[in-house]
Amino acid sequence: MEVLEEATAFIKHACSKHLSDEEVQQQLDGLSAAHQEAIFSCLKVRKEELRWALIEKTNSVTSAQLQDFDWQLKLPLSSDKIAFLQTPLLNLDLNVKENGVLKPVTIEMDKEELQTLIHSLEAANKVVLQIK
């Protein structure tokens, strides 16, 4: 079972990172020649198919898709809890389509939360670019 898990992890890594044939051969270096050839030939023949299967698996995590968004920057001057705020807030309105139904989602964030969201989206974009 452990061999299957390791082989699956290696194939996922090789496909998602677009490893060259030489890089694949280097990483298979510790295996016997027969195992190296079997894995390498399967990977070479089915690399695109495996990559698309990984993309489909990633996409199947959720059926929700962002259709549209809008944002507003607000500067509340006071609140019922604090007399004087002057903390900028971002209202982010998302229109998410899930199972054919359009659902509005509204999020209010302060500067730190916005930075966290931006960093998360940048990290996700890097992963998507690596898969392409």
N, C-alpha and C. Protein backbone atom coordinates (compact mmCIF):
# COMPACT_ATOMS: atom_id res chain seq x y z
N MET A 1 0.82 -1.19 0.00
CA MET A 1 0.00 0.00 0.00
C MET A 1 0.87 1.26 0.00
N GLU A 2 1.97 1.21 0.73
CA GLU A 2 2.86 2.36 0.82
C GLU A 2 3.50 2.66 -0.54
N VAL A 3 3.82 1.61 -1.30
CA VAL A 3 4.42 1.80 -2.63
C VAL A 3 3.43 2.50 -3.55
N LEU A 4 2.17 2.09 -3.48
CA LEU A 4 1.13 2.72 -4.31
C LEU A 4 0.97 4.20 -3.95
N GLU A 5 0.96 4.51 -2.66
CA GLU A 5 0.83 5.90 -2.23
C GLU A 5 2.02 6.74 -2.69
N GLU A 6 3.22 6.18 -2.58
CA GLU A 6 4.42 6.91 -3.02
C GLU A 6 4.43 7.11 -4.53
N ALA A 7 4.03 6.10 -5.27
CA ALA A 7 3.99 6.22 -6.73
C ALA A 7 2.95 7.26 -7.15
N THR A 8 1.78 7.23 -6.49
CA THR A 8 0.73 8.22 -6.79
C THR A 8 1.22 9.63 -6.49
N ALA A 9 1.87 9.81 -5.34
CA ALA A 9 2.39 11.13 -4.97
C ALA A 9 3.44 11.60 -5.97
N PHE A 10 4.30 10.69 -6.41
CA PHE A 10 5.34 11.07 -7.38
C PHE A 10 4.73 11.48 -8.71
N ILE A 11 3.75 10.72 -9.18
CA ILE A 11 3.12 11.03 -10.46
C ILE A 11 2.40 12.37 -10.39
N LYS A 12 1.69 12.62 -9.28
CA LYS A 12 1.03 13.92 -9.10
C LYS A 12 2.05 15.04 -9.12
N HIS A 13 3.16 14.84 -8.42
CA HIS A 13 4.21 15.87 -8.36
C HIS A 13 4.80 16.12 -9.75
N ALA A 14 5.11 15.05 -10.46
CA ALA A 14 5.73 15.18 -11.78
C ALA A 14 4.81 15.89 -12.77
N CYS A 15 3.51 15.58 -12.70
CA CYS A 15 2.56 16.19 -13.63
C CYS A 15 2.28 17.65 -13.27
N SER A 16 2.11 17.93 -11.99
CA SER A 16 1.76 19.30 -11.60
C SER A 16 2.93 20.26 -11.70
N LYS A 17 4.14 19.77 -11.55
CA LYS A 17 5.33 20.63 -11.62
C LYS A 17 5.96 20.68 -13.00
N HIS A 18 5.38 19.97 -13.96
CA HIS A 18 5.90 19.93 -15.33
C HIS A 18 7.38 19.53 -15.36
N LEU A 19 7.71 18.47 -14.66
CA LEU A 19 9.10 18.02 -14.63
C LEU A 19 9.53 17.54 -16.01
N SER A 20 10.75 17.87 -16.37
CA SER A 20 11.29 17.41 -17.66
C SER A 20 11.63 15.92 -17.54
N ASP A 21 11.89 15.28 -18.69
CA ASP A 21 12.24 13.86 -18.68
C ASP A 21 13.49 13.60 -17.84
N GLU A 22 14.45 14.52 -17.93
CA GLU A 22 15.69 14.36 -17.15
C GLU A 22 15.42 14.45 -15.65
N GLU A 23 14.55 15.40 -15.26
CA GLU A 23 14.22 15.56 -13.84
C GLU A 23 13.48 14.33 -13.32
N VAL A 24 12.60 13.77 -14.14
CA VAL A 24 11.88 12.57 -13.74
C VAL A 24 12.88 11.43 -13.56
N GLN A 25 13.79 11.26 -14.51
CA GLN A 25 14.80 10.20 -14.42
C GLN A 25 15.67 10.37 -13.16
N GLN A 26 16.03 11.60 -12.84
CA GLN A 26 16.84 11.85 -11.65
C GLN A 26 16.09 11.46 -10.39
N GLN A 27 14.81 11.76 -10.33
CA GLN A 27 14.05 11.45 -9.12
C GLN A 27 13.72 9.97 -9.01
N LEU A 28 13.76 9.26 -10.11
CA LEU A 28 13.53 7.81 -10.08
C LEU A 28 14.82 7.03 -9.88
N ASP A 29 15.91 7.72 -9.67
CA ASP A 29 17.25 7.12 -9.64
C ASP A 29 17.39 5.98 -8.62
N GLY A 30 16.68 6.02 -7.49
CA GLY A 30 16.84 5.00 -6.46
C GLY A 30 16.13 3.69 -6.76
N LEU A 31 15.32 3.63 -7.81
CA LEU A 31 14.56 2.42 -8.13
C LEU A 31 15.34 1.53 -9.10
N SER A 32 14.89 0.29 -9.20
CA SER A 32 15.51 -0.64 -10.16
C SER A 32 15.21 -0.14 -11.58
N ALA A 33 16.01 -0.61 -12.52
CA ALA A 33 15.86 -0.17 -13.91
C ALA A 33 14.48 -0.52 -14.45
N ALA A 34 13.96 -1.69 -14.09
CA ALA A 34 12.64 -2.11 -14.59
C ALA A 34 11.54 -1.20 -14.04
N HIS A 35 11.60 -0.86 -12.76
CA HIS A 35 10.61 0.04 -12.17
C HIS A 35 10.73 1.45 -12.74
N GLN A 36 11.95 1.91 -12.92
CA GLN A 36 12.17 3.23 -13.52
C GLN A 36 11.52 3.31 -14.90
N GLU A 37 11.76 2.29 -15.71
CA GLU A 37 11.25 2.28 -17.07
C GLU A 37 9.72 2.21 -17.08
N ALA A 38 9.14 1.40 -16.20
CA ALA A 38 7.69 1.26 -16.15
C ALA A 38 7.03 2.60 -15.77
N ILE A 39 7.53 3.23 -14.73
CA ILE A 39 6.95 4.51 -14.28
C ILE A 39 7.18 5.59 -15.32
N PHE A 40 8.41 5.64 -15.85
CA PHE A 40 8.74 6.68 -16.83
C PHE A 40 7.91 6.54 -18.10
N SER A 41 7.74 5.32 -18.59
CA SER A 41 6.97 5.14 -19.83
C SER A 41 5.49 5.47 -19.62
N CYS A 42 4.93 5.07 -18.48
CA CYS A 42 3.53 5.42 -18.18
C CYS A 42 3.36 6.93 -18.07
N LEU A 43 4.28 7.57 -17.38
CA LEU A 43 4.20 9.02 -17.19
C LEU A 43 4.35 9.75 -18.52
N LYS A 44 5.27 9.28 -19.35
CA LYS A 44 5.51 9.95 -20.62
C LYS A 44 4.29 9.85 -21.55
N VAL A 45 3.68 8.68 -21.60
CA VAL A 45 2.55 8.46 -22.50
C VAL A 45 1.30 9.18 -22.01
N ARG A 46 1.08 9.21 -20.70
CA ARG A 46 -0.18 9.72 -20.15
C ARG A 46 -0.05 11.04 -19.40
N LYS A 47 1.04 11.75 -19.57
CA LYS A 47 1.28 12.96 -18.78
C LYS A 47 0.16 13.99 -18.92
N GLU A 48 -0.27 14.29 -20.14
CA GLU A 48 -1.33 15.27 -20.35
C GLU A 48 -2.65 14.79 -19.76
N GLU A 49 -2.95 13.53 -19.97
CA GLU A 49 -4.19 12.96 -19.43
C GLU A 49 -4.19 13.01 -17.90
N LEU A 50 -3.06 12.69 -17.30
CA LEU A 50 -2.93 12.74 -15.84
C LEU A 50 -3.06 14.18 -15.33
N ARG A 51 -2.44 15.10 -16.03
CA ARG A 51 -2.50 16.51 -15.63
C ARG A 51 -3.94 17.01 -15.67
N TRP A 52 -4.69 16.66 -16.72
CA TRP A 52 -6.09 17.07 -16.82
C TRP A 52 -6.94 16.39 -15.75
N ALA A 53 -6.61 15.16 -15.40
CA ALA A 53 -7.33 14.47 -14.32
C ALA A 53 -7.10 15.18 -13.00
N LEU A 54 -5.88 15.66 -12.77
CA LEU A 54 -5.58 16.42 -11.55
C LEU A 54 -6.36 17.73 -11.52
N ILE A 55 -6.44 18.39 -12.66
CA ILE A 55 -7.19 19.65 -12.74
C ILE A 55 -8.67 19.39 -12.47
N GLU A 56 -9.23 18.34 -13.07
CA GLU A 56 -10.64 18.01 -12.84
C GLU A 56 -10.90 17.66 -11.38
N LYS A 57 -9.97 16.95 -10.77
CA LYS A 57 -10.13 16.60 -9.35
C LYS A 57 -10.12 17.86 -8.49
N THR A 58 -9.24 18.79 -8.82
CA THR A 58 -9.18 20.05 -8.09
C THR A 58 -10.46 20.85 -8.28
N ASN A 59 -10.95 20.89 -9.50
CA ASN A 59 -12.18 21.63 -9.79
C ASN A 59 -13.41 21.00 -9.15
N SER A 60 -13.36 19.70 -8.90
CA SER A 60 -14.53 19.03 -8.33
C SER A 60 -14.66 19.23 -6.82
N VAL A 61 -13.70 19.92 -6.21
CA VAL A 61 -13.78 20.19 -4.78
C VAL A 61 -15.07 20.95 -4.48
N THR A 62 -15.43 21.86 -5.34
CA THR A 62 -16.67 22.61 -5.19
C THR A 62 -17.25 22.90 -6.57
N SER A 63 -18.55 22.98 -6.62
CA SER A 63 -19.18 23.29 -7.90
C SER A 63 -19.44 24.79 -8.04
N ALA A 64 -19.08 25.55 -7.01
CA ALA A 64 -19.33 27.00 -7.02
C ALA A 64 -18.33 27.71 -7.93
N GLN A 65 -18.85 28.67 -8.67
CA GLN A 65 -18.02 29.49 -9.56
C GLN A 65 -18.36 30.95 -9.36
N LEU A 66 -17.34 31.77 -9.30
CA LEU A 66 -17.55 33.21 -9.18
C LEU A 66 -18.01 33.76 -10.52
N GLN A 67 -19.17 34.42 -10.52
CA GLN A 67 -19.73 34.99 -11.73
C GLN A 67 -19.41 36.48 -11.86
N ASP A 68 -19.48 37.20 -10.74
CA ASP A 68 -19.27 38.64 -10.76
C ASP A 68 -18.93 39.10 -9.35
N PHE A 69 -18.32 40.28 -9.26
CA PHE A 69 -18.04 40.84 -7.94
C PHE A 69 -18.12 42.36 -8.01
N ASP A 70 -18.30 42.97 -6.86
CA ASP A 70 -18.31 44.42 -6.73
C ASP A 70 -17.72 44.74 -5.37
N TRP A 71 -17.12 45.90 -5.24
CA TRP A 71 -16.54 46.26 -3.95
C TRP A 71 -16.80 47.72 -3.65
N GLN A 72 -16.80 48.03 -2.35
CA GLN A 72 -16.96 49.41 -1.87
C GLN A 72 -15.99 49.60 -0.71
N LEU A 73 -15.39 50.74 -0.67
CA LEU A 73 -14.53 51.10 0.45
C LEU A 73 -15.29 52.08 1.33
N LYS A 74 -15.37 51.75 2.61
CA LYS A 74 -16.12 52.59 3.55
C LYS A 74 -15.20 53.06 4.65
N LEU A 75 -15.47 54.25 5.15
CA LEU A 75 -14.72 54.80 6.28
C LEU A 75 -15.72 55.21 7.35
N PRO A 76 -16.10 54.26 8.21
CA PRO A 76 -17.05 54.61 9.26
C PRO A 76 -16.41 55.56 10.27
N LEU A 77 -17.14 56.60 10.62
CA LEU A 77 -16.61 57.59 11.55
C LEU A 77 -16.92 57.24 13.00
N SER A 78 -18.00 56.50 13.22
CA SER A 78 -18.32 56.09 14.58
C SER A 78 -19.15 54.82 14.55
N SER A 79 -19.29 54.23 15.69
CA SER A 79 -20.03 52.99 15.83
C SER A 79 -20.78 53.03 17.15
N ASP A 80 -21.71 52.10 17.34
CA ASP A 80 -22.39 52.05 18.62
C ASP A 80 -21.47 51.54 19.73
N LYS A 81 -20.35 50.92 19.34
CA LYS A 81 -19.40 50.39 20.32
C LYS A 81 -18.22 51.32 20.55
N ILE A 82 -17.81 52.01 19.52
CA ILE A 82 -16.65 52.90 19.61
C ILE A 82 -17.07 54.26 19.08
N ALA A 83 -16.68 55.30 19.79
CA ALA A 83 -17.12 56.64 19.42
C ALA A 83 -16.46 57.13 18.14
N PHE A 84 -15.21 56.76 17.90
CA PHE A 84 -14.50 57.29 16.75
C PHE A 84 -13.66 56.16 16.13
N LEU A 85 -14.03 55.69 14.94
CA LEU A 85 -13.36 54.54 14.34
C LEU A 85 -12.25 54.94 13.37
N GLN A 86 -12.64 55.54 12.29
CA GLN A 86 -11.75 55.86 11.17
C GLN A 86 -10.91 54.65 10.75
N THR A 87 -11.53 53.48 10.72
CA THR A 87 -10.89 52.27 10.22
C THR A 87 -11.53 51.93 8.89
N PRO A 88 -10.77 51.96 7.80
CA PRO A 88 -11.37 51.66 6.51
C PRO A 88 -11.85 50.21 6.45
N LEU A 89 -13.01 50.01 5.86
CA LEU A 89 -13.60 48.69 5.70
C LEU A 89 -13.93 48.48 4.23
N LEU A 90 -13.70 47.27 3.77
CA LEU A 90 -14.02 46.92 2.40
C LEU A 90 -15.24 46.02 2.40
N ASN A 91 -16.24 46.39 1.64
CA ASN A 91 -17.40 45.53 1.41
C ASN A 91 -17.20 44.85 0.07
N LEU A 92 -17.13 43.53 0.08
CA LEU A 92 -16.93 42.75 -1.13
C LEU A 92 -18.20 41.95 -1.39
N ASP A 93 -18.87 42.24 -2.51
CA ASP A 93 -20.09 41.54 -2.90
C ASP A 93 -19.73 40.56 -4.01
N LEU A 94 -19.97 39.28 -3.75
CA LEU A 94 -19.67 38.22 -4.72
C LEU A 94 -20.98 37.62 -5.21
N ASN A 95 -21.06 37.36 -6.49
CA ASN A 95 -22.17 36.61 -7.07
C ASN A 95 -21.61 35.25 -7.45
N VAL A 96 -22.01 34.23 -6.70
CA VAL A 96 -21.47 32.89 -6.86
C VAL A 96 -22.56 31.99 -7.44
N LYS A 97 -22.20 31.28 -8.49
CA LYS A 97 -23.15 30.36 -9.12
C LYS A 97 -22.81 28.94 -8.64
N GLU A 98 -23.80 28.32 -7.98
CA GLU A 98 -23.60 26.96 -7.48
C GLU A 98 -24.80 26.11 -7.87
N ASN A 99 -24.53 25.03 -8.59
CA ASN A 99 -25.59 24.15 -9.09
C ASN A 99 -26.64 24.92 -9.89
N GLY A 100 -26.20 25.87 -10.70
CA GLY A 100 -27.08 26.64 -11.55
C GLY A 100 -27.82 27.77 -10.87
N VAL A 101 -27.61 27.95 -9.57
CA VAL A 101 -28.31 28.99 -8.81
C VAL A 101 -27.31 30.09 -8.45
N LEU A 102 -27.68 31.34 -8.73
CA LEU A 102 -26.84 32.49 -8.41
C LEU A 102 -27.10 32.92 -6.97
N LYS A 103 -26.04 32.93 -6.16
CA LYS A 103 -26.18 33.30 -4.75
C LYS A 103 -25.30 34.52 -4.45
N PRO A 104 -25.89 35.55 -3.85
CA PRO A 104 -25.07 36.71 -3.45
C PRO A 104 -24.38 36.42 -2.11
N VAL A 105 -23.10 36.79 -2.04
CA VAL A 105 -22.33 36.64 -0.80
C VAL A 105 -21.68 37.99 -0.53
N THR A 106 -21.86 38.50 0.68
CA THR A 106 -21.27 39.79 1.06
C THR A 106 -20.29 39.57 2.19
N ILE A 107 -19.10 40.16 2.04
CA ILE A 107 -18.04 40.04 3.03
C ILE A 107 -17.56 41.43 3.39
N GLU A 108 -17.40 41.71 4.67
CA GLU A 108 -16.83 42.97 5.13
C GLU A 108 -15.48 42.68 5.76
N MET A 109 -14.45 43.38 5.32
CA MET A 109 -13.09 43.12 5.78
C MET A 109 -12.38 44.41 6.17
N ASP A 110 -11.51 44.29 7.18
CA ASP A 110 -10.62 45.40 7.49
C ASP A 110 -9.33 45.21 6.68
N LYS A 111 -8.38 46.08 6.89
CA LYS A 111 -7.16 46.07 6.07
C LYS A 111 -6.38 44.76 6.22
N GLU A 112 -6.27 44.24 7.43
CA GLU A 112 -5.51 43.02 7.66
C GLU A 112 -6.19 41.82 6.99
N GLU A 113 -7.51 41.74 7.12
CA GLU A 113 -8.24 40.65 6.50
C GLU A 113 -8.13 40.72 4.97
N LEU A 114 -8.14 41.93 4.43
CA LEU A 114 -7.99 42.10 2.99
C LEU A 114 -6.61 41.62 2.54
N GLN A 115 -5.58 41.98 3.30
CA GLN A 115 -4.22 41.53 2.97
C GLN A 115 -4.13 40.01 2.98
N THR A 116 -4.76 39.38 3.97
CA THR A 116 -4.76 37.92 4.05
C THR A 116 -5.45 37.32 2.83
N LEU A 117 -6.59 37.90 2.44
CA LEU A 117 -7.29 37.42 1.25
C LEU A 117 -6.44 37.58 -0.01
N ILE A 118 -5.79 38.71 -0.15
CA ILE A 118 -4.94 38.95 -1.32
C ILE A 118 -3.80 37.95 -1.38
N HIS A 119 -3.15 37.69 -0.26
CA HIS A 119 -2.05 36.72 -0.22
C HIS A 119 -2.55 35.31 -0.56
N SER A 120 -3.72 34.95 -0.06
CA SER A 120 -4.29 33.63 -0.37
C SER A 120 -4.60 33.50 -1.85
N LEU A 121 -5.16 34.55 -2.44
CA LEU A 121 -5.48 34.52 -3.87
C LEU A 121 -4.22 34.47 -4.73
N GLU A 122 -3.18 35.20 -4.31
CA GLU A 122 -1.91 35.14 -5.04
C GLU A 122 -1.30 33.75 -4.98
N ALA A 123 -1.37 33.11 -3.80
CA ALA A 123 -0.85 31.74 -3.67
C ALA A 123 -1.65 30.77 -4.53
N ALA A 124 -2.96 30.94 -4.56
CA ALA A 124 -3.80 30.08 -5.40
C ALA A 124 -3.48 30.28 -6.88
N ASN A 125 -3.24 31.53 -7.27
CA ASN A 125 -2.89 31.83 -8.65
C ASN A 125 -1.57 31.16 -9.04
N LYS A 126 -0.60 31.16 -8.14
CA LYS A 126 0.68 30.49 -8.43
C LYS A 126 0.48 29.01 -8.67
N VAL A 127 -0.38 28.38 -7.87
CA VAL A 127 -0.66 26.96 -8.04
C VAL A 127 -1.32 26.71 -9.40
N VAL A 128 -2.28 27.55 -9.75
CA VAL A 128 -2.97 27.39 -11.04
C VAL A 128 -1.98 27.55 -12.18
N LEU A 129 -1.09 28.53 -12.08
CA LEU A 129 -0.10 28.73 -13.14
C LEU A 129 0.87 27.56 -13.26
N GLN A 130 1.19 26.92 -12.13
CA GLN A 130 2.07 25.75 -12.17
C GLN A 130 1.38 24.57 -12.84
N ILE A 131 0.07 24.45 -12.64
CA ILE A 131 -0.66 23.34 -13.24
C ILE A 131 -0.79 23.51 -14.75
N LYS A 132 -0.90 24.76 -15.23
CA LYS A 132 -1.08 25.01 -16.66
C LYS A 132 0.10 24.58 -17.46
